[in-house]
Amino acid sequence: MAADNTHSAPANPVDIPWDAVLEWGLALASTGLIVSGAIFVLAGALGVLRMPDFFTRMHAAGMTDTLGAEFILLGLMLQAGFSQMTLKLLLVAFFLFLTSPTATHAIANAALKSGLKPQLGPYKAPELSEIEGKTPSEGAH
């Protein structure tokens, strides 16, 4: 007598639409990369506005714009699929990966050699009474 198999597979298994699942996964991954890249770029812009001197502003912009742009380009590559556009985006990403930090370093080095000194020590924000009488061209030093 044959053994009664109570844990057998159902007669009509539910077909999972794997193409739709992969499409949704790809869309979510690319959206996540693009949004995270935009957040990095916005954080860099906020750093440029909030940092006290030129060198820290360059650091904030240089670090975050490279990573943010790379994330955005990776998200666009996922959206483009395997095509010629992906190769073009990959070349742009590689070029940006090499040139953005190099340009940031060159600008900061040129500023240092031209006599601009970095602000050393702890930063203390100026009081409102110190900057009220100054014009925007005088700055809040």
Protein backbone atom coordinates (compact mmCIF):
# COMPACT_ATOMS: atom_id res chain seq x y z
CA MET A 1 0.00 0.00 0.00
CA ALA A 2 1.29 3.45 -0.90
CA ALA A 3 1.98 5.97 1.82
CA ASP A 4 -0.47 8.83 2.08
CA ASN A 5 1.48 12.02 1.28
CA THR A 6 -0.42 14.85 3.03
CA HIS A 7 2.21 17.50 2.29
CA SER A 8 2.30 17.33 -1.47
CA ALA A 9 2.37 20.35 -3.77
CA PRO A 10 -1.01 21.81 -4.73
CA ALA A 11 -2.49 20.67 -8.00
CA ASN A 12 -2.59 24.22 -9.48
CA PRO A 13 0.30 26.30 -8.12
CA VAL A 14 -0.13 30.03 -8.37
CA ASP A 15 1.95 31.43 -11.18
CA ILE A 16 4.09 34.31 -9.95
CA PRO A 17 4.60 36.98 -12.63
CA TRP A 18 8.36 37.20 -12.17
CA ASP A 19 8.76 39.71 -14.99
CA ALA A 20 6.46 42.14 -13.17
CA VAL A 21 8.22 41.49 -9.84
CA LEU A 22 11.63 42.18 -11.39
CA GLU A 23 10.29 45.29 -13.13
CA TRP A 24 8.98 46.65 -9.82
CA GLY A 25 12.26 45.78 -8.07
CA LEU A 26 14.26 47.54 -10.75
CA ALA A 27 12.02 50.60 -10.53
CA LEU A 28 12.34 50.70 -6.73
CA ALA A 29 16.12 50.29 -6.83
CA SER A 30 16.59 53.00 -9.44
CA THR A 31 14.21 55.35 -7.63
CA GLY A 32 16.06 54.76 -4.38
CA LEU A 33 19.40 55.54 -6.00
CA ILE A 34 18.11 58.69 -7.69
CA VAL A 35 16.43 59.97 -4.51
CA SER A 36 19.47 59.21 -2.36
CA GLY A 37 21.68 60.99 -4.91
CA ALA A 38 19.41 64.02 -4.79
CA ILE A 39 19.59 63.99 -0.98
CA PHE A 40 23.39 63.96 -1.11
CA VAL A 41 23.43 66.86 -3.57
CA LEU A 42 21.01 68.85 -1.38
CA ALA A 43 23.14 68.10 1.70
CA GLY A 44 26.16 69.45 -0.17
CA ALA A 45 24.26 72.61 -1.07
CA LEU A 46 23.28 73.03 2.56
CA GLY A 47 26.91 72.52 3.56
CA VAL A 48 28.03 75.24 1.16
CA LEU A 49 25.53 77.63 2.74
CA ARG A 50 26.32 76.72 6.35
CA MET A 51 30.08 76.22 6.48
CA PRO A 52 32.22 79.10 7.77
CA ASP A 53 35.04 79.41 5.24
CA PHE A 54 36.04 78.61 1.69
CA PHE A 55 37.90 75.37 2.37
CA THR A 56 35.16 73.73 4.41
CA ARG A 57 32.63 74.79 1.78
CA MET A 58 34.78 73.20 -0.92
CA HIS A 59 35.00 70.03 1.14
CA ALA A 60 31.23 69.87 1.62
CA ALA A 61 30.55 70.47 -2.05
CA GLY A 62 33.29 68.21 -3.38
CA MET A 63 32.44 65.18 -1.27
CA THR A 64 28.68 65.21 -1.64
CA ASP A 65 28.35 66.24 -5.28
CA THR A 66 30.55 63.37 -6.45
CA LEU A 67 28.66 60.73 -4.49
CA GLY A 68 25.27 62.28 -5.26
CA ALA A 69 25.95 62.45 -8.98
CA GLU A 70 27.23 58.86 -9.01
CA PHE A 71 24.06 57.63 -7.28
CA ILE A 72 21.89 59.53 -9.74
CA LEU A 73 23.81 58.13 -12.70
CA LEU A 74 23.58 54.58 -11.30
CA GLY A 75 19.82 55.00 -10.94
CA LEU A 76 19.59 56.22 -14.51
CA MET A 77 21.66 53.25 -15.68
CA LEU A 78 19.18 50.89 -14.04
CA GLN A 79 16.33 52.71 -15.77
CA ALA A 80 18.04 52.56 -19.16
CA GLY A 81 18.54 48.80 -19.05
CA PHE A 82 21.32 47.12 -20.98
CA SER A 83 21.70 49.48 -23.93
CA GLN A 84 24.01 51.98 -25.54
CA MET A 85 22.63 54.64 -23.19
CA THR A 86 23.94 52.63 -20.22
CA LEU A 87 27.42 52.63 -21.70
CA LYS A 88 27.26 56.39 -22.21
CA LEU A 89 26.10 56.92 -18.62
CA LEU A 90 28.87 54.63 -17.39
CA LEU A 91 31.46 56.70 -19.26
CA VAL A 92 30.03 59.92 -17.82
CA ALA A 93 30.10 58.40 -14.32
CA PHE A 94 33.73 57.30 -14.76
CA PHE A 95 34.74 60.72 -16.09
CA LEU A 96 32.95 62.45 -13.21
CA PHE A 97 34.50 60.06 -10.68
CA LEU A 98 37.97 61.09 -11.87
CA THR A 99 37.52 64.79 -12.56
CA SER A 100 35.31 66.04 -9.72
CA PRO A 101 37.74 65.34 -6.85
CA THR A 102 40.63 66.51 -9.01
CA ALA A 103 38.91 69.81 -9.78
CA THR A 104 38.00 70.32 -6.12
CA HIS A 105 41.62 69.74 -5.12
CA ALA A 106 42.93 72.07 -7.84
CA ILE A 107 40.59 74.90 -6.81
CA ALA A 108 41.41 74.53 -3.10
CA ASN A 109 45.14 74.36 -3.86
CA ALA A 110 44.95 77.47 -6.05
CA ALA A 111 43.12 79.33 -3.28
CA LEU A 112 45.75 78.30 -0.75
CA LYS A 113 48.63 79.34 -3.03
CA SER A 114 46.97 82.69 -3.74
CA GLY A 115 47.08 83.50 -0.04
CA LEU A 116 43.68 82.47 1.27
CA LYS A 117 44.20 80.98 4.71
CA PRO A 118 41.94 78.31 6.20
CA GLN A 119 40.08 79.18 9.36
CA LEU A 120 41.71 77.22 12.18
CA GLY A 121 40.32 76.42 15.60
CA PRO A 122 36.76 76.09 16.73
CA TYR A 123 34.18 78.10 14.83
CA LYS A 124 32.02 80.58 16.70
CA ALA A 125 29.08 81.99 14.82
CA PRO A 126 28.86 85.79 14.93
CA GLU A 127 26.20 87.38 17.09
CA LEU A 128 23.32 89.09 15.34
CA SER A 129 24.38 92.45 16.79
CA GLU A 130 27.80 92.06 15.13
CA ILE A 131 26.40 91.62 11.63
CA GLU A 132 23.37 93.96 11.70
CA GLY A 133 25.29 97.06 10.67
CA LYS A 134 27.34 95.40 7.91
CA THR A 135 26.42 95.40 4.25
CA PRO A 136 26.29 92.05 2.38
CA SER A 137 29.58 92.87 0.62
CA GLU A 138 31.39 93.25 3.95
CA GLY A 139 30.35 89.80 5.10
CA ALA A 140 29.97 88.56 8.64
CA HIS A 141 33.63 88.02 9.62
